[in-house]
């Protein structure tokens, strides 16, 4: 799942080398932390959070196959 989020984020930003993804398994919920360059933060979040919401939906669909719960945190 980390690779999926990293792939999507690298496709959106201007500085793909600055994309960092860190996954943690916490109490039945897998948390994916996404860090991007400060200039690219708006591109990952999108207008009114639409891009971030879409990334969360894709992540949830991928996790449903493995019967897991997921959470995406975008770190500033």
PDB file of N, CA and C in Angstrom:
ATOM      1  N   UNK A   1       0.820  -1.193   0.000  1.00  0.00           N
ATOM      2  CA  UNK A   1       0.000   0.000   0.000  1.00  0.00           C
ATOM      3  C   UNK A   1       0.863   1.255   0.000  1.00  0.00           C
ATOM      4  N   UNK A   2       2.034   1.163   0.639  1.00  0.00           N
ATOM      5  CA  UNK A   2       2.950   2.304   0.632  1.00  0.00           C
ATOM      6  C   UNK A   2       3.377   2.646  -0.787  1.00  0.00           C
ATOM      7  N   UNK A   3       3.632   1.603  -1.576  1.00  0.00           N
ATOM      8  CA  UNK A   3       4.075   1.823  -2.951  1.00  0.00           C
ATOM      9  C   UNK A   3       2.985   2.493  -3.780  1.00  0.00           C
ATOM     10  N   UNK A   4       1.743   2.133  -3.529  1.00  0.00           N
ATOM     11  CA  UNK A   4       0.614   2.717  -4.254  1.00  0.00           C
ATOM     12  C   UNK A   4       0.524   4.217  -3.978  1.00  0.00           C
ATOM     13  N   UNK A   5       0.597   4.602  -2.712  1.00  0.00           N
ATOM     14  CA  UNK A   5       0.520   6.015  -2.342  1.00  0.00           C
ATOM     15  C   UNK A   5       1.723   6.774  -2.903  1.00  0.00           C
ATOM     16  N   UNK A   6       2.903   6.176  -2.827  1.00  0.00           N
ATOM     17  CA  UNK A   6       4.108   6.824  -3.347  1.00  0.00           C
ATOM     18  C   UNK A   6       3.995   7.040  -4.857  1.00  0.00           C
ATOM     19  N   UNK A   7       3.492   6.056  -5.569  1.00  0.00           N
ATOM     20  CA  UNK A   7       3.339   6.169  -7.019  1.00  0.00           C
ATOM     21  C   UNK A   7       2.386   7.299  -7.387  1.00  0.00           C
ATOM     22  N   UNK A   8       1.262   7.363  -6.717  1.00  0.00           N
ATOM     23  CA  UNK A   8       0.276   8.411  -7.001  1.00  0.00           C
ATOM     24  C   UNK A   8       0.856   9.786  -6.682  1.00  0.00           C
ATOM     25  N   UNK A   9       1.498   9.910  -5.529  1.00  0.00           N
ATOM     26  CA  UNK A   9       2.052  11.201  -5.120  1.00  0.00           C
ATOM     27  C   UNK A   9       3.162  11.650  -6.067  1.00  0.00           C
ATOM     28  N   UNK A  10       4.032  10.732  -6.467  1.00  0.00           N
ATOM     29  CA  UNK A  10       5.123  11.102  -7.383  1.00  0.00           C
ATOM     30  C   UNK A  10       4.587  11.548  -8.741  1.00  0.00           C
ATOM     31  N   UNK A  11       3.439  11.016  -9.130  1.00  0.00           N
ATOM     32  CA  UNK A  11       2.833  11.398 -10.402  1.00  0.00           C
ATOM     33  C   UNK A  11       2.249  12.809 -10.355  1.00  0.00           C
ATOM     34  N   UNK A  12       1.915  13.277  -9.161  1.00  0.00           N
ATOM     35  CA  UNK A  12       1.258  14.570  -9.017  1.00  0.00           C
ATOM     36  C   UNK A  12       2.214  15.742  -8.806  1.00  0.00           C
ATOM     37  N   UNK A  13       3.344  15.515  -8.172  1.00  0.00           N
ATOM     38  CA  UNK A  13       4.205  16.607  -7.716  1.00  0.00           C
ATOM     39  C   UNK A  13       5.277  16.986  -8.734  1.00  0.00           C
ATOM     40  N   UNK A  14       5.881  18.164  -8.512  1.00  0.00           N
ATOM     41  CA  UNK A  14       6.983  18.631  -9.347  1.00  0.00           C
ATOM     42  C   UNK A  14       8.328  18.087  -8.873  1.00  0.00           C
ATOM     43  N   UNK A  15       8.428  17.747  -7.592  1.00  0.00           N
ATOM     44  CA  UNK A  15       9.670  17.252  -7.011  1.00  0.00           C
ATOM     45  C   UNK A  15       9.455  15.823  -6.491  1.00  0.00           C
ATOM     46  N   UNK A  16       9.462  14.841  -7.378  1.00  0.00           N
ATOM     47  CA  UNK A  16       9.166  13.465  -6.951  1.00  0.00           C
ATOM     48  C   UNK A  16      10.215  12.875  -6.008  1.00  0.00           C
ATOM     49  N   UNK A  17      11.417  13.415  -6.007  1.00  0.00           N
ATOM     50  CA  UNK A  17      12.450  12.904  -5.101  1.00  0.00           C
ATOM     51  C   UNK A  17      12.168  13.253  -3.648  1.00  0.00           C
ATOM     52  N   UNK A  18      11.331  14.243  -3.409  1.00  0.00           N
ATOM     53  CA  UNK A  18      11.005  14.681  -2.051  1.00  0.00           C
ATOM     54  C   UNK A  18       9.845  13.890  -1.428  1.00  0.00           C
ATOM     55  N   UNK A  19       9.237  12.991  -2.184  1.00  0.00           N
ATOM     56  CA  UNK A  19       8.106  12.207  -1.676  1.00  0.00           C
ATOM     57  C   UNK A  19       8.624  11.112  -0.753  1.00  0.00           C
ATOM     58  N   UNK A  20       8.088  11.096   0.466  1.00  0.00           N
ATOM     59  CA  UNK A  20       8.462  10.069   1.439  1.00  0.00           C
ATOM     60  C   UNK A  20       7.185   9.448   2.000  1.00  0.00           C
ATOM     61  N   UNK A  21       7.157   8.131   2.041  1.00  0.00           N
ATOM     62  CA  UNK A  21       5.994   7.408   2.537  1.00  0.00           C
ATOM     63  C   UNK A  21       6.449   6.503   3.665  1.00  0.00           C
ATOM     64  N   UNK A  22       5.737   6.592   4.787  1.00  0.00           N
ATOM     65  CA  UNK A  22       6.060   5.778   5.945  1.00  0.00           C
ATOM     66  C   UNK A  22       4.779   5.093   6.422  1.00  0.00           C
ATOM     67  N   UNK A  23       4.804   3.780   6.489  1.00  0.00           N
ATOM     68  CA  UNK A  23       3.629   3.028   6.921  1.00  0.00           C
ATOM     69  C   UNK A  23       3.803   2.463   8.311  1.00  0.00           C
ATOM     70  N   UNK A  24       2.739   2.519   9.115  1.00  0.00           N
ATOM     71  CA  UNK A  24       2.752   1.988  10.473  1.00  0.00           C
ATOM     72  C   UNK A  24       1.501   1.148  10.700  1.00  0.00           C
ATOM     73  N   UNK A  25       1.666   0.042  11.395  1.00  0.00           N
ATOM     74  CA  UNK A  25       0.527  -0.802  11.745  1.00  0.00           C
ATOM     75  C   UNK A  25       0.176  -0.525  13.202  1.00  0.00           C
ATOM     76  N   UNK A  26      -0.994   0.071  13.425  1.00  0.00           N
ATOM     77  CA  UNK A  26      -1.408   0.475  14.770  1.00  0.00           C
ATOM     78  C   UNK A  26      -2.791  -0.075  15.091  1.00  0.00           C
ATOM     79  N   UNK A  27      -2.888  -0.945  16.039  1.00  0.00           N
ATOM     80  CA  UNK A  27      -4.158  -1.416  16.594  1.00  0.00           C
ATOM     81  C   UNK A  27      -5.220  -1.711  15.530  1.00  0.00           C
ATOM     82  N   UNK A  28      -4.895  -2.537  14.581  1.00  0.00           N
ATOM     83  CA  UNK A  28      -5.862  -2.945  13.567  1.00  0.00           C
ATOM     84  C   UNK A  28      -6.076  -1.942  12.456  1.00  0.00           C
ATOM     85  N   UNK A  29      -5.319  -0.873  12.441  1.00  0.00           N
ATOM     86  CA  UNK A  29      -5.436   0.144  11.399  1.00  0.00           C
ATOM     87  C   UNK A  29      -4.041   0.444  10.859  1.00  0.00           C
ATOM     88  N   UNK A  30      -3.903   0.378   9.545  1.00  0.00           N
ATOM     89  CA  UNK A  30      -2.616   0.654   8.915  1.00  0.00           C
ATOM     90  C   UNK A  30      -2.593   2.131   8.522  1.00  0.00           C
ATOM     91  N   UNK A  31      -1.643   2.887   9.068  1.00  0.00           N
ATOM     92  CA  UNK A  31      -1.534   4.315   8.812  1.00  0.00           C
ATOM     93  C   UNK A  31      -0.407   4.582   7.824  1.00  0.00           C
ATOM     94  N   UNK A  32      -0.717   5.313   6.775  1.00  0.00           N
ATOM     95  CA  UNK A  32       0.269   5.706   5.775  1.00  0.00           C
ATOM     96  C   UNK A  32       0.512   7.201   5.941  1.00  0.00           C
ATOM     97  N   UNK A  33       1.767   7.570   6.238  1.00  0.00           N
ATOM     98  CA  UNK A  33       2.132   8.976   6.369  1.00  0.00           C
ATOM     99  C   UNK A  33       2.839   9.415   5.099  1.00  0.00           C
ATOM    100  N   UNK A  34       2.333  10.458   4.470  1.00  0.00           N
ATOM    101  CA  UNK A  34       2.875  10.968   3.216  1.00  0.00           C
ATOM    102  C   UNK A  34       3.481  12.340   3.462  1.00  0.00           C
ATOM    103  N   UNK A  35       4.747  12.497   3.072  1.00  0.00           N
ATOM    104  CA  UNK A  35       5.442  13.771   3.197  1.00  0.00           C
ATOM    105  C   UNK A  35       5.918  14.195   1.815  1.00  0.00           C
ATOM    106  N   UNK A  36       5.626  15.440   1.448  1.00  0.00           N
ATOM    107  CA  UNK A  36       6.065  15.989   0.161  1.00  0.00           C
ATOM    108  C   UNK A  36       6.729  17.334   0.413  1.00  0.00           C
ATOM    109  N   UNK A  37       7.355  17.893  -0.623  1.00  0.00           N
ATOM    110  CA  UNK A  37       7.971  19.217  -0.530  1.00  0.00           C
ATOM    111  C   UNK A  37       6.885  20.253  -0.230  1.00  0.00           C
ATOM    112  N   UNK A  38       7.226  21.291   0.522  1.00  0.00           N
ATOM    113  CA  UNK A  38       6.210  22.308   0.869  1.00  0.00           C
ATOM    114  C   UNK A  38       5.528  22.933  -0.346  1.00  0.00           C
ATOM    115  N   UNK A  39       6.247  23.099  -1.450  1.00  0.00           N
ATOM    116  CA  UNK A  39       5.649  23.691  -2.648  1.00  0.00           C
ATOM    117  C   UNK A  39       4.637  22.761  -3.310  1.00  0.00           C
ATOM    118  N   UNK A  40       4.760  21.466  -3.073  1.00  0.00           N
ATOM    119  CA  UNK A  40       3.886  20.484  -3.713  1.00  0.00           C
ATOM    120  C   UNK A  40       2.701  20.080  -2.841  1.00  0.00           C
ATOM    121  N   UNK A  41       2.614  20.609  -1.651  1.00  0.00           N
ATOM    122  CA  UNK A  41       1.556  20.209  -0.726  1.00  0.00           C
ATOM    123  C   UNK A  41       0.162  20.479  -1.303  1.00  0.00           C
ATOM    124  N   UNK A  42      -0.001  21.616  -1.950  1.00  0.00           N
ATOM    125  CA  UNK A  42      -1.296  21.959  -2.544  1.00  0.00           C
ATOM    126  C   UNK A  42      -1.698  21.020  -3.663  1.00  0.00           C
ATOM    127  N   UNK A  43      -0.727  20.505  -4.398  1.00  0.00           N
ATOM    128  CA  UNK A  43      -1.032  19.583  -5.494  1.00  0.00           C
ATOM    129  C   UNK A  43      -1.514  18.240  -4.964  1.00  0.00           C
ATOM    130  N   UNK A  44      -0.973  17.822  -3.835  1.00  0.00           N
ATOM    131  CA  UNK A  44      -1.366  16.537  -3.250  1.00  0.00           C
ATOM    132  C   UNK A  44      -2.738  16.651  -2.583  1.00  0.00           C
ATOM    133  N   UNK A  45      -3.016  17.793  -1.987  1.00  0.00           N
ATOM    134  CA  UNK A  45      -4.307  17.979  -1.324  1.00  0.00           C
ATOM    135  C   UNK A  45      -5.396  18.280  -2.349  1.00  0.00           C
ATOM    136  N   UNK A  46      -5.105  19.137  -3.309  1.00  0.00           N
ATOM    137  CA  UNK A  46      -6.078  19.456  -4.353  1.00  0.00           C
ATOM    138  C   UNK A  46      -7.095  20.487  -3.901  1.00  0.00           C
ATOM    139  N   UNK A  47      -7.917  20.925  -4.846  1.00  0.00           N
ATOM    140  CA  UNK A  47      -8.946  21.910  -4.529  1.00  0.00           C
ATOM    141  C   UNK A  47      -9.984  21.290  -3.606  1.00  0.00           C
ATOM    142  N   UNK A  48     -10.193  21.952  -2.487  1.00  0.00           N
ATOM    143  CA  UNK A  48     -11.151  21.515  -1.466  1.00  0.00           C
ATOM    144  C   UNK A  48     -10.888  20.086  -1.009  1.00  0.00           C
ATOM    145  N   UNK A  49      -9.627  19.628  -1.122  1.00  0.00           N
ATOM    146  CA  UNK A  49      -9.252  18.306  -0.640  1.00  0.00           C
ATOM    147  C   UNK A  49      -9.686  17.161  -1.529  1.00  0.00           C
ATOM    148  N   UNK A  50     -10.048  17.453  -2.753  1.00  0.00           N
ATOM    149  CA  UNK A  50     -10.564  16.406  -3.646  1.00  0.00           C
ATOM    150  C   UNK A  50      -9.511  15.364  -3.989  1.00  0.00           C
ATOM    151  N   UNK A  51      -8.289  15.803  -4.249  1.00  0.00           N
ATOM    152  CA  UNK A  51      -7.228  14.859  -4.602  1.00  0.00           C
ATOM    153  C   UNK A  51      -6.892  13.967  -3.416  1.00  0.00           C
ATOM    154  N   UNK A  52      -6.788  14.560  -2.232  1.00  0.00           N
ATOM    155  CA  UNK A  52      -6.509  13.777  -1.028  1.00  0.00           C
ATOM    156  C   UNK A  52      -7.633  12.780  -0.761  1.00  0.00           C
ATOM    157  N   UNK A  53      -8.870  13.208  -0.962  1.00  0.00           N
ATOM    158  CA  UNK A  53     -10.018  12.322  -0.756  1.00  0.00           C
ATOM    159  C   UNK A  53      -9.984  11.159  -1.743  1.00  0.00           C
ATOM    160  N   UNK A  54      -9.599  11.449  -2.989  1.00  0.00           N
ATOM    161  CA  UNK A  54      -9.510  10.397  -4.001  1.00  0.00           C
ATOM    162  C   UNK A  54      -8.405   9.401  -3.650  1.00  0.00           C
ATOM    163  N   UNK A  55      -7.278   9.905  -3.163  1.00  0.00           N
ATOM    164  CA  UNK A  55      -6.185   9.013  -2.747  1.00  0.00           C
ATOM    165  C   UNK A  55      -6.629   8.124  -1.587  1.00  0.00           C
ATOM    166  N   UNK A  56      -7.378   8.695  -0.667  1.00  0.00           N
ATOM    167  CA  UNK A  56      -7.890   7.903   0.470  1.00  0.00           C
ATOM    168  C   UNK A  56      -8.869   6.832  -0.004  1.00  0.00           C
ATOM    169  N   UNK A  57      -9.686   7.157  -0.990  1.00  0.00           N
ATOM    170  CA  UNK A  57     -10.637   6.175  -1.532  1.00  0.00           C
ATOM    171  C   UNK A  57      -9.916   5.019  -2.207  1.00  0.00           C
ATOM    172  N   UNK A  58      -8.887   5.335  -2.987  1.00  0.00           N
ATOM    173  CA  UNK A  58      -8.109   4.288  -3.646  1.00  0.00           C
ATOM    174  C   UNK A  58      -7.407   3.414  -2.623  1.00  0.00           C
ATOM    175  N   UNK A  59      -6.860   4.047  -1.591  1.00  0.00           N
ATOM    176  CA  UNK A  59      -6.185   3.306  -0.527  1.00  0.00           C
ATOM    177  C   UNK A  59      -7.168   2.398   0.216  1.00  0.00           C
ATOM    178  N   UNK A  60      -8.365   2.883   0.458  1.00  0.00           N
ATOM    179  CA  UNK A  60      -9.385   2.066   1.130  1.00  0.00           C
ATOM    180  C   UNK A  60      -9.797   0.876   0.273  1.00  0.00           C
ATOM    181  N   UNK A  61      -9.904   1.087  -1.026  1.00  0.00           N
ATOM    182  CA  UNK A  61     -10.271  -0.010  -1.928  1.00  0.00           C
ATOM    183  C   UNK A  61      -9.186  -1.073  -1.959  1.00  0.00           C
ATOM    184  N   UNK A  62      -7.930  -0.649  -1.976  1.00  0.00           N
ATOM    185  CA  UNK A  62      -6.820  -1.608  -1.963  1.00  0.00           C
ATOM    186  C   UNK A  62      -6.768  -2.359  -0.641  1.00  0.00           C
ATOM    187  N   UNK A  63      -7.076  -1.682   0.447  1.00  0.00           N
ATOM    188  CA  UNK A  63      -7.049  -2.315   1.764  1.00  0.00           C
ATOM    189  C   UNK A  63      -8.220  -3.273   1.949  1.00  0.00           C
ATOM    190  N   UNK A  64      -9.331  -2.995   1.297  1.00  0.00           N
ATOM    191  CA  UNK A  64     -10.504  -3.853   1.423  1.00  0.00           C
ATOM    192  C   UNK A  64     -10.213  -5.250   0.878  1.00  0.00           C
ATOM    193  N   UNK A  65      -9.361  -5.323  -0.142  1.00  0.00           N
ATOM    194  CA  UNK A  65      -8.983  -6.623  -0.683  1.00  0.00           C
ATOM    195  C   UNK A  65      -8.265  -7.472   0.361  1.00  0.00           C
ATOM    196  N   UNK A  66      -7.494  -6.803   1.221  1.00  0.00           N
ATOM    197  CA  UNK A  66      -6.731  -7.499   2.261  1.00  0.00           C
ATOM    198  C   UNK A  66      -7.456  -7.495   3.597  1.00  0.00           C
ATOM    199  N   UNK A  67      -8.690  -6.995   3.590  1.00  0.00           N
ATOM    200  CA  UNK A  67      -9.519  -6.919   4.792  1.00  0.00           C
ATOM    201  C   UNK A  67      -8.821  -6.160   5.910  1.00  0.00           C
ATOM    202  N   UNK A  68      -8.311  -4.981   5.576  1.00  0.00           N
ATOM    203  CA  UNK A  68      -7.649  -4.118   6.549  1.00  0.00           C
ATOM    204  C   UNK A  68      -8.307  -2.746   6.523  1.00  0.00           C
ATOM    205  N   UNK A  69      -8.084  -1.993   7.582  1.00  0.00           N
ATOM    206  CA  UNK A  69      -8.511  -0.599   7.639  1.00  0.00           C
ATOM    207  C   UNK A  69      -7.274   0.263   7.432  1.00  0.00           C
ATOM    208  N   UNK A  70      -7.436   1.354   6.733  1.00  0.00           N
ATOM    209  CA  UNK A  70      -6.301   2.215   6.465  1.00  0.00           C
ATOM    210  C   UNK A  70      -6.630   3.670   6.761  1.00  0.00           C
ATOM    211  N   UNK A  71      -5.561   4.445   6.897  1.00  0.00           N
ATOM    212  CA  UNK A  71      -5.685   5.874   7.118  1.00  0.00           C
ATOM    213  C   UNK A  71      -4.528   6.555   6.405  1.00  0.00           C
ATOM    214  N   UNK A  72      -4.786   7.655   5.732  1.00  0.00           N
ATOM    215  CA  UNK A  72      -3.746   8.412   5.040  1.00  0.00           C
ATOM    216  C   UNK A  72      -3.572   9.752   5.733  1.00  0.00           C
ATOM    217  N   UNK A  73      -2.362   9.995   6.225  1.00  0.00           N
ATOM    218  CA  UNK A  73      -2.027  11.282   6.849  1.00  0.00           C
ATOM    219  C   UNK A  73      -1.050  11.999   5.929  1.00  0.00           C
ATOM    220  N   UNK A  74      -1.379  13.239   5.571  1.00  0.00           N
ATOM    221  CA  UNK A  74      -0.486  14.053   4.772  1.00  0.00           C
ATOM    222  C   UNK A  74       0.217  14.996   5.727  1.00  0.00           C
ATOM    223  N   UNK A  75       1.527  14.823   5.865  1.00  0.00           N
ATOM    224  CA  UNK A  75       2.327  15.579   6.827  1.00  0.00           C
ATOM    225  C   UNK A  75       2.840  16.855   6.157  1.00  0.00           C
ATOM    226  N   UNK A  76       2.708  17.968   6.847  1.00  0.00           N
ATOM    227  CA  UNK A  76       3.204  19.237   6.315  1.00  0.00           C
ATOM    228  C   UNK A  76       4.675  19.385   6.596  1.00  0.00           C
TER     229      UNK A  76
END
